[in-house]
Amino acid sequence: MKTKTLLFLFLFTTSLFAQKKNEEIASQKLNTTRQITVVTPASYDLPANKNKKYPLLVLLDGDYLLDPFSGMLSYTEYWNDLPEVIIVGINQNKNNERKTDCRIDKETGLPDEFGEKFFDFMVTELMPHIEKKYRISPFKIIAGHDLTAGFMNYFLYKESPLFNAYIALSPELPKEMDVHIPERLADIKTPVYYYLATADGDVAKMQKKIKALDESIKKIANPALKYYFDDIKNATHYSLVTYAIPEALYHIFSSYQPITPIEYQEKIVTLKSGYVDYLAKKYEVIEKDLGVKIPIRINDFRAIEAAILKNGAYEELKGLSSLASKSYPKTTLVEYYNGLYYEKMDETKKAINAYMKGYSLNEVGEYTKEMMLEKADNLK
């Protein structure tokens, strides 16, 4: 679990650079107007990002979940630890709308006529509106708390679920849902992330069903399912939300995170070969699973370089140069790895030429022109 410092920090972090605005959607399904709040990332309106698409996070109970989610994402986006995300909060507090939106037929355990209307509103009105107006990537997340956390599971009942990831914060589970969810998660073919949370101070009757659901999901052998269960200590039904949000987001975006010391020690440096392939595949997964395309981080290049040097796999430095040319074309980084390759292969003249060539290229990170000249001078 992340430190308590981080947990409390995001609660008081305001999204100073994100754009937050309220919108109203006239709904024929609900025969009324519904208010949503949309938060776009700081980089959204930059000219350089005019074609960039962002994952979508839809929040039921947006009235009180939007601020803690947006605060956490604002903090992690700043450090490039989690990706930038477009957040849409559905406000459900007016006139007690959340109870009407999530009404269930007690006999069938399925949405009644009011619940069906809200479900249809999300599918046929809200989502088309968001997809038309904002640059949304294919990766979509939905989150809810107690009543809404139970309701959002109905999206899983569909043959082709609308969402790729689900954050269920102490869900209130209707009749038979603890049976139907595992059945759907076992059959699903496309990758799906499912985060489920309760706490030792949660509502007893809800906690019992949540833990039973957890036991059933844990028995599922489906490689497409990315499941995480959180039984939070020293928390209540309400305070668990503040602990669960970072855990849920880090679980869903685990592939996005930079190479960590643990990943380096356990998965990379232990390889006998294929260090460059490991790095390339890491970013291919980010793009494929999350719909996020980003250049390879400089620190991730450095981690792979360290593993290559530690294991004497110098021939892979050439591949690292090729990978650098894709993320940082015409930069010093490309020639740095060319020069390092020739240096380790005892081809000093070629190494000097590569380092000298870097002086005419654009700098990136710590790979400055002065550094390249120094590398060349040290070999003379």
Protein backbone atom coordinates (compact mmCIF):
# COMPACT_ATOMS: atom_id res chain seq x y z
CA MET A 1 0.00 0.00 0.00
CA LYS A 2 1.29 3.50 -0.80
CA THR A 3 2.43 5.61 2.13
CA LYS A 4 -0.07 7.54 4.23
CA THR A 5 1.73 10.72 3.22
CA LEU A 6 0.71 10.11 -0.38
CA LEU A 7 -2.80 9.11 0.62
CA PHE A 8 -3.45 12.35 2.44
CA LEU A 9 -1.51 14.48 0.00
CA PHE A 10 -3.76 13.78 -2.94
CA LEU A 11 -6.85 14.69 -0.92
CA PHE A 12 -5.58 18.24 -0.57
CA THR A 13 -4.04 18.50 -4.01
CA THR A 14 -6.06 20.65 -6.39
CA SER A 15 -5.70 20.16 -10.12
CA LEU A 16 -4.13 23.56 -10.60
CA PHE A 17 -3.29 23.08 -14.25
CA ALA A 18 -6.15 20.83 -15.37
CA GLN A 19 -9.27 22.26 -16.99
CA LYS A 20 -12.49 21.58 -15.11
CA LYS A 21 -15.92 22.47 -16.43
CA ASN A 22 -19.55 21.56 -15.92
CA GLU A 23 -21.76 20.49 -18.79
CA GLU A 24 -25.44 19.65 -19.14
CA ILE A 25 -26.72 16.84 -21.32
CA ALA A 26 -30.34 16.85 -22.41
CA SER A 27 -31.39 13.21 -22.10
CA GLN A 28 -34.31 11.73 -23.98
CA LYS A 29 -33.84 8.47 -22.10
CA LEU A 30 -34.24 10.16 -18.71
CA ASN A 31 -36.55 12.91 -19.94
CA THR A 32 -34.48 15.48 -18.09
CA THR A 33 -31.16 17.30 -18.14
CA ARG A 34 -28.18 15.75 -16.38
CA GLN A 35 -25.07 17.54 -15.21
CA ILE A 36 -21.59 16.14 -15.66
CA THR A 37 -18.18 17.55 -14.74
CA VAL A 38 -15.30 17.05 -17.16
CA VAL A 39 -11.65 17.40 -16.17
CA THR A 40 -9.11 17.47 -19.00
CA PRO A 41 -5.35 17.16 -18.35
CA ALA A 42 -2.99 20.12 -18.32
CA SER A 43 -1.53 19.16 -21.70
CA TYR A 44 -4.86 18.68 -23.44
CA ASP A 45 -5.00 22.06 -25.23
CA LEU A 46 -1.33 22.31 -26.12
CA PRO A 47 -0.82 22.61 -29.92
CA ALA A 48 1.71 19.77 -29.85
CA ASN A 49 -0.97 17.44 -28.45
CA LYS A 50 -3.79 18.29 -30.84
CA ASN A 51 -3.98 14.67 -32.01
CA LYS A 52 -3.18 13.02 -28.67
CA LYS A 53 -5.84 10.77 -27.17
CA TYR A 54 -6.33 10.10 -23.47
CA PRO A 55 -7.79 7.22 -21.42
CA LEU A 56 -11.23 7.95 -19.99
CA LEU A 57 -12.27 7.62 -16.35
CA VAL A 58 -16.04 7.76 -15.75
CA LEU A 59 -17.04 8.37 -12.15
CA LEU A 60 -20.45 7.50 -10.82
CA ASP A 61 -21.09 9.53 -7.67
CA GLY A 62 -19.06 12.24 -9.35
CA ASP A 63 -20.30 14.70 -6.73
CA TYR A 64 -17.80 13.41 -4.17
CA LEU A 65 -15.49 11.06 -6.06
CA LEU A 66 -14.27 13.54 -8.65
CA ASP A 67 -12.06 15.66 -6.40
CA PRO A 68 -10.10 12.81 -4.76
CA PHE A 69 -9.62 11.03 -8.11
CA SER A 70 -8.58 14.20 -9.96
CA GLY A 71 -6.26 15.21 -7.10
CA MET A 72 -4.50 11.86 -7.15
CA LEU A 73 -4.16 11.86 -10.94
CA SER A 74 -2.91 15.45 -10.94
CA TYR A 75 -0.16 14.47 -8.50
CA THR A 76 0.92 11.31 -10.33
CA GLU A 77 0.73 12.96 -13.77
CA TYR A 78 3.16 15.60 -12.52
CA TRP A 79 5.76 12.90 -11.86
CA ASN A 80 4.84 10.94 -15.01
CA ASP A 81 4.04 7.99 -12.77
CA LEU A 82 0.55 7.49 -14.17
CA PRO A 83 -0.79 8.68 -17.53
CA GLU A 84 -2.86 11.78 -18.13
CA VAL A 85 -6.56 10.90 -18.07
CA ILE A 86 -9.80 12.61 -19.01
CA ILE A 87 -12.23 12.38 -16.09
CA VAL A 88 -16.02 12.57 -16.42
CA GLY A 89 -17.96 12.76 -13.18
CA ILE A 90 -21.70 12.12 -13.32
CA ASN A 91 -23.37 14.24 -10.67
CA GLN A 92 -26.03 12.14 -8.92
CA ASN A 93 -26.73 13.98 -5.69
CA LYS A 94 -29.48 16.31 -6.94
CA ASN A 95 -32.95 15.13 -5.93
CA ASN A 96 -31.38 11.87 -4.72
CA GLU A 97 -30.75 10.81 -8.31
CA ARG A 98 -28.28 8.05 -7.41
CA LYS A 99 -31.05 5.91 -5.86
CA THR A 100 -33.29 6.33 -8.90
CA ASP A 101 -30.39 5.79 -11.33
CA CYS A 102 -29.40 2.54 -9.61
CA ARG A 103 -32.83 1.06 -8.92
CA ILE A 104 -32.88 -2.71 -9.04
CA ASP A 105 -35.69 -5.22 -9.36
CA LYS A 106 -35.35 -7.22 -6.14
CA GLU A 107 -36.73 -10.38 -7.76
CA THR A 108 -34.46 -10.50 -10.81
CA GLY A 109 -31.46 -8.66 -9.42
CA LEU A 110 -31.38 -6.60 -12.62
CA PRO A 111 -32.07 -2.89 -13.21
CA ASP A 112 -35.76 -2.00 -13.14
CA GLU A 113 -37.28 0.45 -15.63
CA PHE A 114 -35.55 3.43 -13.97
CA GLY A 115 -32.19 1.67 -13.73
CA GLU A 116 -32.47 0.60 -17.38
CA LYS A 117 -33.08 4.19 -18.44
CA PHE A 118 -29.97 5.38 -16.64
CA PHE A 119 -27.93 2.51 -18.12
CA ASP A 120 -29.19 3.42 -21.61
CA PHE A 121 -28.44 7.08 -20.95
CA MET A 122 -24.80 6.20 -20.29
CA VAL A 123 -24.49 3.93 -23.32
CA THR A 124 -26.44 5.84 -25.96
CA GLU A 125 -26.18 9.47 -24.84
CA LEU A 126 -23.35 10.16 -22.40
CA MET A 127 -20.60 8.09 -24.01
CA PRO A 128 -21.32 9.23 -27.61
CA HIS A 129 -21.31 12.82 -26.36
CA ILE A 130 -17.92 12.40 -24.67
CA GLU A 131 -16.37 10.50 -27.57
CA LYS A 132 -17.53 13.11 -30.06
CA LYS A 133 -16.40 16.13 -28.04
CA TYR A 134 -13.14 14.88 -26.50
CA ARG A 135 -10.12 12.95 -27.72
CA ILE A 136 -10.71 9.63 -25.99
CA SER A 137 -8.46 6.59 -26.38
CA PRO A 138 -10.04 3.12 -26.54
CA PHE A 139 -9.17 2.48 -22.87
CA LYS A 140 -12.08 3.33 -20.57
CA ILE A 141 -12.40 3.00 -16.77
CA ILE A 142 -15.48 3.23 -14.58
CA ALA A 143 -15.62 3.69 -10.79
CA GLY A 144 -18.31 3.85 -8.15
CA HIS A 145 -18.91 3.61 -4.40
CA ASP A 146 -21.36 1.26 -2.62
CA LEU A 147 -24.67 1.60 -4.56
CA THR A 148 -23.06 2.87 -7.77
CA ALA A 149 -20.17 0.41 -7.46
CA GLY A 150 -22.69 -2.41 -7.59
CA PHE A 151 -24.61 -0.89 -10.48
CA MET A 152 -21.56 -0.39 -12.69
CA ASN A 153 -21.05 -4.17 -12.83
CA TYR A 154 -24.01 -4.44 -15.21
CA PHE A 155 -21.69 -3.19 -17.94
CA LEU A 156 -19.78 -6.45 -17.48
CA TYR A 157 -22.94 -8.42 -18.23
CA LYS A 158 -22.81 -7.32 -21.86
CA GLU A 159 -21.11 -9.49 -24.48
CA SER A 160 -18.78 -6.61 -25.38
CA PRO A 161 -18.29 -4.56 -22.19
CA LEU A 162 -18.16 -0.81 -22.65
CA PHE A 163 -15.34 -0.42 -20.13
CA ASN A 164 -11.89 -2.01 -19.88
CA ALA A 165 -11.39 -1.43 -16.15
CA TYR A 166 -13.66 -1.39 -13.08
CA ILE A 167 -13.03 0.19 -9.68
CA ALA A 168 -15.57 -1.19 -7.20
CA LEU A 169 -15.30 0.65 -3.90
CA SER A 170 -17.23 -1.30 -1.28
CA PRO A 171 -19.96 -2.33 -3.74
CA GLU A 172 -23.51 -3.02 -2.64
CA LEU A 173 -24.14 -6.24 -4.55
CA PRO A 174 -27.69 -6.95 -5.79
CA LYS A 175 -29.19 -10.43 -5.94
CA GLU A 176 -27.02 -13.01 -7.75
CA MET A 177 -24.38 -10.46 -8.72
CA ASP A 178 -21.75 -12.31 -6.69
CA VAL A 179 -22.44 -15.25 -9.02
CA HIS A 180 -22.76 -13.43 -12.34
CA ILE A 181 -19.60 -11.32 -12.03
CA PRO A 182 -17.22 -14.31 -11.71
CA GLU A 183 -19.03 -16.01 -14.60
CA ARG A 184 -18.49 -13.01 -16.84
CA LEU A 185 -14.89 -12.47 -15.75
CA ALA A 186 -14.13 -16.10 -16.48
CA ASP A 187 -15.51 -15.88 -20.02
CA ILE A 188 -14.24 -12.49 -21.08
CA LYS A 189 -11.73 -12.58 -23.93
CA THR A 190 -10.35 -9.04 -24.02
CA PRO A 191 -8.11 -7.76 -21.20
CA VAL A 192 -10.12 -6.40 -18.26
CA TYR A 193 -8.93 -4.86 -15.00
CA TYR A 194 -11.06 -5.36 -11.92
CA TYR A 195 -10.29 -3.71 -8.58
CA LEU A 196 -12.43 -4.63 -5.57
CA ALA A 197 -12.15 -3.01 -2.13
CA THR A 198 -13.62 -3.39 1.32
CA ALA A 199 -12.31 -2.54 4.81
CA ASP A 200 -12.31 -3.97 8.31
CA GLY A 201 -14.71 -1.20 9.32
CA ASP A 202 -17.00 -1.64 6.33
CA VAL A 203 -20.74 -2.29 6.61
CA ALA A 204 -20.91 -5.91 7.83
CA LYS A 205 -23.53 -7.28 5.43
CA MET A 206 -21.78 -5.67 2.46
CA GLN A 207 -18.36 -6.83 3.58
CA LYS A 208 -19.52 -10.45 3.78
CA LYS A 209 -20.79 -10.50 0.19
CA ILE A 210 -17.70 -8.66 -1.08
CA LYS A 211 -15.38 -11.22 0.49
CA ALA A 212 -17.45 -14.05 -0.96
CA LEU A 213 -17.16 -12.41 -4.37
CA ASP A 214 -13.40 -12.14 -3.90
CA GLU A 215 -13.12 -15.84 -3.13
CA SER A 216 -15.01 -16.68 -6.32
CA ILE A 217 -12.96 -14.35 -8.52
CA LYS A 218 -9.68 -15.71 -7.15
CA LYS A 219 -10.59 -19.14 -8.51
CA ILE A 220 -10.80 -17.83 -12.07
CA ALA A 221 -8.01 -18.93 -14.41
CA ASN A 222 -8.35 -16.36 -17.16
CA PRO A 223 -5.17 -14.63 -18.41
CA ALA A 224 -7.31 -11.74 -19.71
CA LEU A 225 -8.35 -10.86 -16.14
CA LYS A 226 -6.17 -8.45 -14.16
CA TYR A 227 -7.67 -8.70 -10.67
CA TYR A 228 -6.76 -7.00 -7.39
CA PHE A 229 -8.56 -7.26 -4.05
CA ASP A 230 -8.00 -4.78 -1.23
CA ASP A 231 -9.08 -5.49 2.34
CA ILE A 232 -8.07 -2.18 3.89
CA LYS A 233 -7.19 -2.05 7.57
CA ASN A 234 -8.23 0.68 10.00
CA ALA A 235 -10.74 2.18 7.57
CA THR A 236 -14.50 2.63 7.42
CA HIS A 237 -17.01 2.34 4.61
CA TYR A 238 -16.26 5.98 3.72
CA SER A 239 -12.59 6.44 4.56
CA LEU A 240 -11.62 3.34 2.54
CA VAL A 241 -12.15 5.44 -0.59
CA THR A 242 -9.11 7.60 0.19
CA TYR A 243 -6.91 4.53 0.58
CA ALA A 244 -8.35 2.62 -2.36
CA ILE A 245 -8.03 5.25 -5.08
CA PRO A 246 -4.21 5.16 -5.42
CA GLU A 247 -4.15 1.37 -5.12
CA ALA A 248 -6.77 1.02 -7.84
CA LEU A 249 -5.09 3.43 -10.24
CA TYR A 250 -1.65 1.92 -9.75
CA HIS A 251 -3.11 -1.53 -10.36
CA ILE A 252 -4.85 -0.52 -13.59
CA PHE A 253 -1.90 1.46 -14.89
CA SER A 254 0.80 -0.89 -13.62
CA SER A 255 2.23 -1.40 -17.12
CA TYR A 256 2.57 2.36 -17.59
CA GLN A 257 4.89 2.96 -14.67
CA PRO A 258 8.62 3.53 -15.15
CA ILE A 259 10.99 0.67 -14.52
CA THR A 260 11.26 0.30 -10.74
CA PRO A 261 14.26 -1.02 -8.77
CA ILE A 262 12.29 -4.20 -8.06
CA GLU A 263 11.44 -4.68 -11.73
CA TYR A 264 15.08 -4.13 -12.62
CA GLN A 265 16.38 -6.60 -10.03
CA GLU A 266 13.78 -9.33 -10.54
CA LYS A 267 12.85 -9.14 -14.22
CA ILE A 268 15.58 -7.36 -16.18
CA VAL A 269 19.07 -7.89 -14.85
CA THR A 270 18.32 -11.60 -14.45
CA LEU A 271 17.75 -11.99 -18.20
CA LYS A 272 20.43 -13.75 -20.21
CA SER A 273 19.58 -11.69 -23.30
CA GLY A 274 16.75 -9.69 -24.86
CA TYR A 275 17.15 -6.50 -22.81
CA VAL A 276 16.22 -4.22 -25.71
CA ASP A 277 13.27 -6.44 -26.60
CA TYR A 278 12.07 -6.19 -23.01
CA LEU A 279 12.07 -2.39 -23.19
CA ALA A 280 10.36 -2.28 -26.59
CA LYS A 281 7.63 -4.71 -25.49
CA LYS A 282 7.01 -2.74 -22.29
CA TYR A 283 6.00 0.30 -24.31
CA GLU A 284 4.10 -1.76 -26.87
CA VAL A 285 1.93 -3.05 -24.01
CA ILE A 286 1.33 0.51 -22.79
CA GLU A 287 0.09 1.51 -26.24
CA LYS A 288 -1.91 -1.66 -26.90
CA ASP A 289 -3.58 -2.15 -23.52
CA LEU A 290 -3.96 1.45 -22.38
CA GLY A 291 -4.20 3.31 -25.66
CA VAL A 292 -1.34 5.57 -24.55
CA LYS A 293 1.59 6.27 -26.85
CA ILE A 294 4.60 7.88 -25.19
CA PRO A 295 8.32 8.05 -25.92
CA ILE A 296 10.46 5.67 -23.91
CA ARG A 297 11.54 7.38 -20.70
CA ILE A 298 15.21 8.33 -20.44
CA ASN A 299 15.47 6.59 -17.06
CA ASP A 300 14.13 3.39 -18.63
CA PHE A 301 16.87 3.59 -21.27
CA ARG A 302 19.38 3.98 -18.45
CA ALA A 303 18.00 0.92 -16.63
CA ILE A 304 18.38 -1.25 -19.72
CA GLU A 305 21.85 0.17 -20.38
CA ALA A 306 22.86 -0.76 -16.82
CA ALA A 307 21.63 -4.33 -17.28
CA ILE A 308 23.46 -4.65 -20.61
CA LEU A 309 26.73 -3.41 -19.12
CA LYS A 310 26.38 -5.52 -15.97
CA ASN A 311 25.90 -8.68 -18.03
CA GLY A 312 28.42 -7.83 -20.74
CA ALA A 313 25.81 -8.01 -23.51
CA TYR A 314 27.46 -5.16 -25.39
CA GLU A 315 26.09 -6.13 -28.77
CA GLU A 316 22.65 -5.02 -27.55
CA LEU A 317 23.85 -1.42 -27.27
CA LYS A 318 23.42 -1.15 -31.03
CA GLY A 319 19.78 -2.17 -30.65
CA LEU A 320 19.38 0.38 -27.89
CA SER A 321 20.63 3.05 -30.30
CA SER A 322 18.03 1.98 -32.86
CA LEU A 323 15.31 2.18 -30.21
CA ALA A 324 16.52 5.64 -29.18
CA SER A 325 16.26 6.82 -32.79
CA LYS A 326 12.52 6.07 -32.70
CA SER A 327 11.77 7.88 -29.45
CA TYR A 328 14.38 10.64 -29.74
CA PRO A 329 15.42 10.97 -33.41
CA LYS A 330 18.39 13.18 -34.29
CA THR A 331 19.45 13.51 -30.66
CA THR A 332 22.62 12.88 -28.71
CA LEU A 333 21.07 9.77 -27.16
CA VAL A 334 21.24 7.88 -30.47
CA GLU A 335 24.95 8.54 -30.97
CA TYR A 336 25.68 8.01 -27.29
CA TYR A 337 24.67 4.36 -27.61
CA ASN A 338 26.48 4.01 -30.93
CA GLY A 339 29.61 5.40 -29.32
CA LEU A 340 29.23 3.21 -26.23
CA TYR A 341 28.80 0.13 -28.45
CA TYR A 342 32.01 0.81 -30.37
CA GLU A 343 33.83 1.69 -27.16
CA LYS A 344 32.92 -1.65 -25.57
CA MET A 345 33.84 -3.47 -28.78
CA ASP A 346 37.31 -1.81 -28.67
CA GLU A 347 36.72 0.10 -31.90
CA THR A 348 38.02 3.36 -30.48
CA LYS A 349 38.13 5.41 -33.69
CA LYS A 350 34.48 4.63 -34.48
CA ALA A 351 33.51 5.38 -30.90
CA ILE A 352 35.19 8.80 -31.04
CA ASN A 353 33.45 9.58 -34.34
CA ALA A 354 30.06 8.64 -32.90
CA TYR A 355 30.55 10.78 -29.80
CA MET A 356 31.79 13.70 -31.93
CA LYS A 357 28.78 13.36 -34.22
CA GLY A 358 26.56 13.83 -31.18
CA TYR A 359 27.85 17.40 -30.84
CA SER A 360 25.79 18.45 -33.87
CA LEU A 361 22.57 16.87 -32.61
CA ASN A 362 19.85 17.99 -30.22
CA GLU A 363 20.46 17.39 -26.53
CA VAL A 364 18.17 15.18 -24.49
CA GLY A 365 18.20 14.92 -20.70
CA GLU A 366 21.70 14.56 -19.26
CA TYR A 367 23.10 13.61 -22.67
CA THR A 368 24.51 17.04 -23.49
CA LYS A 369 26.90 18.09 -26.23
CA GLU A 370 29.55 18.72 -23.60
CA MET A 371 29.11 15.18 -22.31
CA MET A 372 29.58 13.78 -25.82
CA LEU A 373 32.78 15.79 -26.33
CA GLU A 374 34.09 14.63 -22.98
CA LYS A 375 33.40 11.00 -23.92
CA ALA A 376 35.32 11.48 -27.15
CA ASP A 377 38.25 13.28 -25.45
CA ASN A 378 38.59 10.50 -22.88
CA LEU A 379 39.24 8.02 -25.67
CA LYS A 380 41.93 10.05 -27.44
